[in-house]
Amino acid sequence: MTTSEARLASTKPLSIAILAMGGQGGGVLTDWIVALAEAQGPPAGLALLSALDGDERMAGHHRLLSVRAHLLEKTGDTAGAYEHYRRAAKATASIAEQRYLESRARRLRT
């Protein structure tokens, strides 16, 4: 088993815990995902986000989209990061968050 595979395998119990916390709101979930990504690397955080993709309560949530954008940016996938920052900006009702997320997306295009 490669190091990357071991990291992903170690996220399974955590991903179950995060899915169980779905009612706690996007902020709690993103905190867990960011903490995991900081400890084990962006691919581990992206793996947890993938586990949430099928959950309709979380689908299109601006916080999850923005975390995915940030992690994609950290892996060097600037095209993917740009797309997710834009989607996150469109998904939030907060004008301040929209401006911030749009600025993050623009920064990737310059």
Protein backbone atom coordinates (compact mmCIF):
# COMPACT_ATOMS: atom_id res chain seq x y z
CA MET A 1 0.00 0.00 0.00
CA THR A 2 1.38 3.38 -0.97
CA THR A 3 1.51 6.31 1.46
CA SER A 4 -1.30 8.00 -0.46
CA GLU A 5 -3.48 4.88 -0.28
CA ALA A 6 -2.80 4.55 3.45
CA ARG A 7 -3.85 8.15 4.00
CA LEU A 8 -7.11 7.63 2.13
CA ALA A 9 -7.81 4.38 3.98
CA SER A 10 -7.27 6.14 7.31
CA THR A 11 -9.97 8.69 6.45
CA LYS A 12 -12.80 6.14 6.29
CA PRO A 13 -13.71 6.27 10.01
CA LEU A 14 -13.44 10.04 9.97
CA SER A 15 -15.59 10.33 6.86
CA ILE A 16 -18.29 8.29 8.58
CA ALA A 17 -18.13 10.61 11.58
CA ILE A 18 -18.37 13.66 9.35
CA LEU A 19 -21.34 12.26 7.47
CA ALA A 20 -23.03 11.60 10.81
CA MET A 21 -22.47 15.27 11.70
CA GLY A 22 -24.30 16.44 8.58
CA GLY A 23 -26.98 18.17 10.62
CA GLN A 24 -24.36 20.29 12.39
CA GLY A 25 -23.93 22.60 9.41
CA GLY A 26 -21.29 23.27 6.80
CA GLY A 27 -18.98 25.12 9.19
CA VAL A 28 -18.36 22.10 11.40
CA LEU A 29 -17.75 19.88 8.39
CA THR A 30 -15.35 22.29 6.76
CA ASP A 31 -13.40 22.65 10.00
CA TRP A 32 -12.91 18.87 10.12
CA ILE A 33 -11.95 18.67 6.47
CA VAL A 34 -9.45 21.53 6.70
CA ALA A 35 -7.91 20.03 9.85
CA LEU A 36 -7.49 16.67 8.13
CA ALA A 37 -6.00 18.31 5.04
CA GLU A 38 -3.51 20.22 7.19
CA ALA A 39 -2.50 17.03 9.02
CA GLN A 40 -2.47 14.57 6.11
CA GLY A 41 -2.35 16.73 3.00
CA PRO A 42 -4.90 18.14 0.55
CA PRO A 43 -5.69 14.75 -1.08
CA ALA A 44 -7.05 13.48 2.26
CA GLY A 45 -9.35 16.50 2.54
CA LEU A 46 -10.44 16.09 -1.07
CA ALA A 47 -11.24 12.43 -0.37
CA LEU A 48 -13.57 13.48 2.45
CA LEU A 49 -15.23 16.04 0.22
CA SER A 50 -15.79 13.29 -2.34
CA ALA A 51 -17.49 11.22 0.36
CA LEU A 52 -19.94 14.10 0.83
CA ASP A 53 -20.70 14.56 -2.87
CA GLY A 54 -23.68 12.21 -2.75
CA ASP A 55 -25.27 13.86 0.28
CA GLU A 56 -28.06 16.14 -0.97
CA ARG A 57 -27.95 18.20 2.23
CA MET A 58 -24.37 19.19 1.42
CA ALA A 59 -24.50 19.31 -2.39
CA GLY A 60 -23.64 22.78 -3.61
CA HIS A 61 -22.96 24.17 -0.14
CA HIS A 62 -20.76 27.23 -0.63
CA ARG A 63 -18.45 26.35 2.27
CA LEU A 64 -17.72 22.90 0.89
CA LEU A 65 -17.21 24.33 -2.59
CA SER A 66 -14.78 26.94 -1.27
CA VAL A 67 -12.82 24.37 0.77
CA ARG A 68 -12.60 22.14 -2.30
CA ALA A 69 -11.34 25.14 -4.29
CA HIS A 70 -8.69 25.88 -1.66
CA LEU A 71 -7.51 22.26 -1.54
CA LEU A 72 -7.44 21.99 -5.33
CA GLU A 73 -5.36 25.17 -5.41
CA LYS A 74 -2.93 23.62 -2.91
CA THR A 75 -2.54 20.58 -5.18
CA GLY A 76 -1.78 22.81 -8.16
CA ASP A 77 -5.11 22.30 -9.94
CA THR A 78 -5.74 25.98 -10.61
CA ALA A 79 -8.43 25.31 -13.23
CA GLY A 80 -10.43 23.20 -10.80
CA ALA A 81 -9.87 25.70 -8.01
CA TYR A 82 -11.05 28.56 -10.23
CA GLU A 83 -14.25 26.69 -11.12
CA HIS A 84 -15.04 25.84 -7.50
CA TYR A 85 -14.34 29.37 -6.22
CA ARG A 86 -16.78 30.65 -8.86
CA ARG A 87 -19.41 28.05 -7.93
CA ALA A 88 -18.98 28.88 -4.23
CA ALA A 89 -19.42 32.60 -4.94
CA LYS A 90 -22.66 31.90 -6.80
CA ALA A 91 -23.92 29.60 -4.02
CA THR A 92 -23.60 32.05 -1.12
CA ALA A 93 -26.11 34.76 -0.29
CA SER A 94 -23.48 36.89 1.45
CA ILE A 95 -22.24 39.76 -0.71
CA ALA A 96 -18.98 39.88 1.29
CA GLU A 97 -18.36 36.17 0.73
CA GLN A 98 -19.22 36.52 -2.96
CA ARG A 99 -16.65 39.29 -3.35
CA TYR A 100 -13.99 37.36 -1.48
CA LEU A 101 -14.53 34.15 -3.44
CA GLU A 102 -14.61 36.02 -6.77
CA SER A 103 -11.32 37.70 -5.83
CA ARG A 104 -9.78 34.29 -5.10
CA ALA A 105 -10.95 33.06 -8.50
CA ARG A 106 -9.64 36.17 -10.30
CA ARG A 107 -6.25 35.77 -8.64
CA LEU A 108 -5.94 32.36 -10.28
CA ARG A 109 -6.58 33.85 -13.74
CA THR A 110 -3.92 36.58 -13.62
